Protein backbone atom coordinates (compact mmCIF):
# COMPACT_ATOMS: atom_id res chain seq x y z
CA MET A 1 -14.38 -5.50 -3.47
CA GLU A 2 -14.04 -3.01 -6.73
CA PHE A 3 -11.55 0.32 -6.65
CA ASP A 4 -9.63 1.81 -8.88
CA ARG A 5 -6.38 1.00 -9.15
CA ARG A 6 -4.56 3.14 -10.86
CA LYS A 7 -5.42 5.48 -7.85
CA SER A 8 -2.94 5.60 -4.72
CA LEU A 9 -3.61 4.83 -0.88
CA LEU A 10 -3.52 8.55 -0.75
CA GLN A 11 -6.56 9.03 -3.30
CA LEU A 12 -8.30 6.38 -2.54
CA LYS A 13 -8.52 6.80 1.39
CA ARG A 14 -8.11 10.62 1.27
CA GLU A 15 -5.75 10.66 4.22
CA LYS A 16 -3.27 13.18 5.22
CA PHE A 17 0.54 11.46 6.81
CA ARG A 18 1.19 13.80 9.48
CA ASP A 19 4.25 12.64 11.11
CA PHE A 20 7.97 12.81 9.35
CA THR A 21 9.46 11.96 12.29
CA TRP A 22 10.08 8.20 11.17
CA ASP A 23 13.38 8.22 9.63
CA PHE A 24 14.37 4.22 9.54
CA ASP A 25 13.28 1.44 7.41
CA PRO A 26 11.10 0.07 6.56
CA PHE A 27 9.20 3.59 7.15
CA PRO A 28 10.20 5.88 4.42
CA SER A 29 9.65 3.89 2.17
CA GLY A 30 5.98 3.07 3.54
CA TYR A 31 5.17 6.75 3.24
CA GLN A 32 6.31 7.09 -0.48
CA LEU A 33 4.61 4.07 -1.49
CA ARG A 34 1.12 5.40 -0.39
CA HIS A 35 1.84 7.77 -3.23
CA TRP A 36 2.11 5.16 -5.73
CA PRO A 37 -0.96 3.75 -8.06
CA LEU A 38 -1.80 0.35 -6.28
CA GLU A 39 -1.12 -1.11 -9.94
CA ARG A 40 2.26 -0.32 -9.74
CA LEU A 41 3.30 -1.92 -6.36
CA THR A 42 5.24 -5.22 -5.85
CA ASP A 43 5.07 -7.82 -3.88
CA GLU A 44 7.64 -6.40 -1.87
CA HIS A 45 5.92 -2.82 -1.30
CA LEU A 46 2.52 -4.91 -0.44
CA TRP A 47 4.72 -6.54 2.08
CA VAL A 48 6.12 -3.28 3.41
CA LEU A 49 2.39 -1.51 3.45
CA ILE A 50 0.96 -4.55 5.26
CA ARG A 51 3.07 -4.59 7.69
CA GLN A 52 3.20 -1.48 8.74
CA SER A 53 -0.87 -1.54 8.87
CA ILE A 54 -1.35 1.09 5.90
CA GLY A 55 -4.59 0.64 3.48
CA LEU A 56 -5.16 -2.93 4.65
CA ASP A 57 -8.36 -2.64 3.27
CA TYR A 58 -7.16 -2.46 -0.17
CA LEU A 59 -4.08 -3.92 0.06
CA VAL A 60 -5.45 -7.35 1.65
CA VAL A 61 -7.22 -7.56 -1.67
CA LEU A 62 -4.37 -7.31 -3.86
CA ALA A 63 -2.26 -9.42 -1.81
CA LEU A 64 -4.92 -12.49 -1.68
CA GLU A 65 -5.89 -11.92 -5.58
CA LYS A 66 -2.09 -12.36 -5.98
CA LEU A 67 -1.57 -15.08 -3.78
CA GLU A 68 -4.78 -17.16 -5.78
CA GLN A 69 -2.83 -16.39 -9.06
CA ASN A 70 0.34 -18.10 -7.89
CA ALA A 71 -1.20 -21.15 -6.36
């Protein structure tokens, strides 16, 4: 699957995050990470987002690529 890794999840998925009531970890970081370009996400960022089921169609691809590189 090819996609522009310079774009954020919000740009790729074109969805809005509407619920701002989450004020505990790890949700604020997951919300903020949706605005970051995919190429800037670290392994920890991927873990936070995947754990919250955010952008799985893109992030699982990135995570598998990272696993292949480290194998």
